[in-house]
Amino acid sequence: MTTITADLTVEEGAEFRVELRAGGHLWCVDEPADLGGSDTGPNPYELLLSSVAACTCITVSMYCRRKGWNLHSVSARYTHDRVHARDCDDCESDASGYIDRVRSQIFIEGDFDADQRARLADIARRCPVHKTLERGVTFTTEAVFAG
């Protein structure tokens, strides 16, 4: 099980700054200044995209290592926007109204033949975080009030 803790303490000039912890790691998330934040860290959507981008790079690297393929580098660019369902020609959804759309470009450098390239293009879409987001997530939320 993976556990993250998030703490927001309202302070003047840092009303939206959230400190996150996982194991011994500490980082922060914030909103940009134009949305009332202090821009001291990525916003929540940037953090979400960074998770899938990092997972994609790691998945490709692990696969190449396991196969003994000569990977030089892998990088990923992810974007998120909201579009009206009827305006999204490349979206696979029967939803109405606005939908979230994530687009990615995976840049893979190495010595690969055509079959290896095709396989890596497929593997890049199979990282665990990508699959979790595609399948959807079930949330169970409990609000606990103090004081």
Foldseek 3Di string as FASTA:
>chain_A
DWDKDWDADDDVQARAWIWIDGVPDIDIAWDDVVVPHNPPHHHPVVVLVVVLFVLLQVQLVVVCVVVVFFWDGKGKDKDKDKDAPVPDPPDDDPDGGIDIDMDMDMDTDGDDDPVVVVVSVVSSCVGPSNVDVVVDDDDDDDDDDDD
